[in-house]
Protein backbone atom coordinates (compact mmCIF):
# COMPACT_ATOMS: atom_id res chain seq x y z
CA MET A 1 -0.72 4.08 22.57
CA SER A 2 -1.24 6.14 19.42
CA GLU A 3 -4.41 8.06 18.73
CA LYS A 4 -6.73 6.76 16.04
CA THR A 5 -8.33 8.68 13.21
CA CYS A 6 -11.61 7.35 11.89
CA ALA A 7 -13.06 7.52 8.39
CA PRO A 8 -14.12 9.43 6.48
CA PHE A 9 -10.59 10.46 5.56
CA ASN A 10 -9.77 13.56 3.51
CA GLU A 11 -7.77 13.38 0.27
CA ASP A 12 -4.45 14.28 1.93
CA GLN A 13 -4.99 11.58 4.57
CA VAL A 14 -5.75 9.02 1.86
CA ALA A 15 -2.55 10.00 0.04
CA SER A 16 -0.52 9.68 3.25
CA LEU A 17 -2.09 6.32 4.15
CA ASN A 18 -1.49 4.81 0.73
CA ALA A 19 2.08 6.14 0.59
CA TYR A 20 2.68 4.62 4.03
CA GLN A 21 1.30 1.27 2.86
CA VAL A 22 4.00 0.98 0.18
CA SER A 23 6.79 2.74 2.09
CA GLY A 24 8.27 -0.45 3.54
CA LEU A 25 8.83 1.42 6.80
CA MET A 26 6.72 -1.01 8.83
CA HIS A 27 4.31 -3.82 8.08
CA PRO A 28 1.32 -2.40 6.18
CA PHE A 29 -2.29 -2.84 7.25
CA THR A 30 -3.52 -6.11 5.75
CA CYS A 31 -6.90 -7.74 5.28
CA GLY A 32 -8.60 -8.95 8.45
CA GLY A 33 -10.90 -11.18 6.42
CA ASN A 34 -9.97 -14.32 4.50
CA CYS A 35 -7.22 -12.62 2.46
CA HIS A 36 -4.81 -12.23 5.40
CA ALA A 37 -1.71 -11.26 3.41
CA ILE A 38 -3.33 -8.77 1.03
CA ARG A 39 -2.71 -5.15 1.98
CA LEU A 40 -5.48 -2.63 2.49
CA ILE A 41 -6.03 0.39 0.26
CA ALA A 42 -7.20 3.67 1.77
CA ALA A 43 -10.13 5.56 0.27
CA LEU A 44 -12.20 8.51 1.46
CA ASP A 45 -14.69 6.19 3.17
CA GLY A 46 -12.04 4.05 4.89
CA TRP A 47 -9.83 1.06 4.15
CA ARG A 48 -10.77 -1.77 1.81
CA CYS A 49 -9.08 -5.02 0.93
CA ALA A 50 -7.16 -4.82 -2.34
CA SER A 51 -8.80 -8.06 -3.50
CA GLN A 52 -11.87 -7.43 -5.61
CA ARG A 53 -13.35 -10.67 -4.26
CA CYS A 54 -13.21 -9.53 -0.62
CA ASP A 55 -15.53 -7.10 1.14
CA TYR A 56 -13.34 -6.49 4.23
CA ARG A 57 -13.44 -2.87 5.43
CA GLN A 58 -11.66 -0.99 8.22
CA ASP A 59 -12.64 2.50 9.36
CA TRP A 60 -9.61 3.69 11.34
CA ALA A 61 -5.88 4.35 11.07
CA HIS A 62 -3.22 5.50 13.49
CA GLU A 63 -3.14 9.30 13.46
CA TRP A 64 0.59 9.35 12.61
CA MET A 65 -0.19 7.40 9.43
CA THR A 66 -2.66 10.04 8.22
CA ASP A 67 -0.52 13.18 8.47
CA TRP A 68 2.75 12.16 6.78
CA SER A 69 4.56 12.19 10.14
CA TRP A 70 5.34 8.49 9.60
CA GLN A 71 8.08 9.69 7.24
CA ASN A 72 9.99 10.98 10.29
CA LEU A 73 10.16 7.49 11.78
CA ARG A 74 13.23 6.52 9.76
CA ARG A 75 16.39 6.54 11.80
CA PRO A 76 18.76 9.33 10.70
CA ASP A 77 21.46 6.76 9.92
CA GLU A 78 19.14 4.65 7.79
CA GLN A 79 19.73 5.04 4.07
CA GLN A 80 17.02 5.41 1.49
CA PRO A 81 16.20 2.34 -0.62
CA ALA A 82 18.88 1.47 -3.15
CA GLU A 83 18.57 3.39 -6.37
CA ALA A 84 19.17 0.18 -8.30
CA THR A 85 15.49 -0.67 -8.05
CA GLY A 86 14.51 2.80 -9.26
CA GLY A 87 16.14 2.18 -12.62
CA GLU A 88 14.13 -0.93 -13.30
CA GLN A 89 11.00 -0.53 -15.35
CA ALA A 90 7.72 -2.17 -14.54
CA GLN A 91 6.71 -4.94 -16.92
CA ASP A 92 4.35 -2.63 -18.77
CA GLY A 93 7.09 0.02 -19.11
CA ALA A 94 5.45 2.39 -16.61
CA ASP A 95 8.63 3.19 -14.68
CA GLU A 96 6.88 6.16 -13.07
CA LEU A 97 4.81 3.66 -11.08
CA THR A 98 7.71 1.79 -9.52
CA LEU A 99 7.72 1.82 -5.76
CA THR A 100 11.03 3.69 -5.65
CA ALA A 101 9.81 6.37 -8.07
CA ILE A 102 6.66 6.91 -5.97
CA ARG A 103 8.72 7.07 -2.77
CA ARG A 104 11.03 9.63 -4.34
CA ARG A 105 8.09 11.81 -5.43
CA ALA A 106 6.44 11.45 -1.99
CA LEU A 107 9.62 12.62 -0.26
CA THR A 108 10.02 15.65 -2.55
CA ALA A 109 6.38 16.67 -2.98
CA SER A 110 5.67 20.15 -1.68
CA THR A 111 2.23 21.02 -3.00
CA TYR A 112 -1.16 19.47 -2.42
CA ALA A 113 -1.43 18.58 -6.11
CA GLU A 114 1.88 16.70 -5.93
CA TRP A 115 0.78 14.81 -2.78
CA HIS A 116 -2.55 14.00 -4.42
CA GLN A 117 -0.77 12.62 -7.51
CA VAL A 118 1.40 10.44 -5.26
CA GLY A 119 -1.78 9.08 -3.66
CA ARG A 120 -3.31 8.31 -7.06
CA ASP A 121 -0.09 6.60 -8.16
CA VAL A 122 -0.08 4.52 -4.96
CA GLU A 123 -3.68 3.45 -5.58
CA THR A 124 -2.83 2.47 -9.17
CA LEU A 125 0.22 0.52 -8.05
CA ALA A 126 -1.68 -1.14 -5.19
CA ALA A 127 -4.45 -2.17 -7.58
CA ARG A 128 -1.88 -3.75 -9.92
CA VAL A 129 -0.26 -5.56 -6.97
CA ALA A 130 -3.70 -6.83 -5.92
CA GLU A 131 -4.31 -8.11 -9.45
CA LEU A 132 -0.99 -9.93 -9.41
CA GLU A 133 -1.69 -11.36 -5.93
CA GLY A 134 -5.06 -12.60 -7.19
CA GLU A 135 -3.46 -14.20 -10.24
CA LEU A 136 -0.83 -15.86 -8.04
CA ASN A 137 -3.47 -17.13 -5.61
CA GLU A 138 -5.48 -18.58 -8.50
CA LEU A 139 -2.37 -20.32 -9.85
CA LEU A 140 -1.53 -21.74 -6.42
CA ILE A 141 -5.09 -22.98 -5.92
CA ALA A 142 -5.21 -24.50 -9.42
CA ASP A 143 -1.86 -26.16 -8.78
CA GLY A 144 -3.07 -27.45 -5.41
CA SER A 145 -0.04 -25.92 -3.68
CA VAL A 146 -1.95 -23.83 -1.15
CA ASP A 147 -5.31 -24.03 0.57
CA LEU A 148 -6.20 -20.35 0.95
CA MET A 149 -9.05 -21.09 3.33
CA ASP A 150 -6.63 -21.95 6.13
CA GLY A 151 -3.38 -20.59 4.62
CA SER A 152 -1.64 -23.95 4.80
CA GLU A 153 0.47 -25.51 2.12
CA ALA A 154 -0.98 -28.59 0.52
């Protein structure tokens, strides 16, 4: 069983945790409250649900998630994500905040300042994803397609 690291996290740990969350390597940590599918965002004082309407908090992470060693978990024969997605621009034109662009910068970062910028970019991207998830949830509720209280389809 892996060792756990408890909050408070330092800035490098926060950057590693948030980069892991969007890496696609494994399933990310998600809300343990009523927002089950919404991913958590790391901060210095621990994890928080990305939904602004949820107060779920978590105070631990696996140690390997906090020190960038999770990047070594890829099999040597596994290829990096297709570059096709890296050429697409986000709707607002901020192509520097695409998941592929952030991954590329995370894999090539060599200074603390570069790692810290990756962490900030991940937080910005995660916040935008949370906004979009909230908008989608509101549309589904308004449409009557999903009952978010129990996660079932109407």
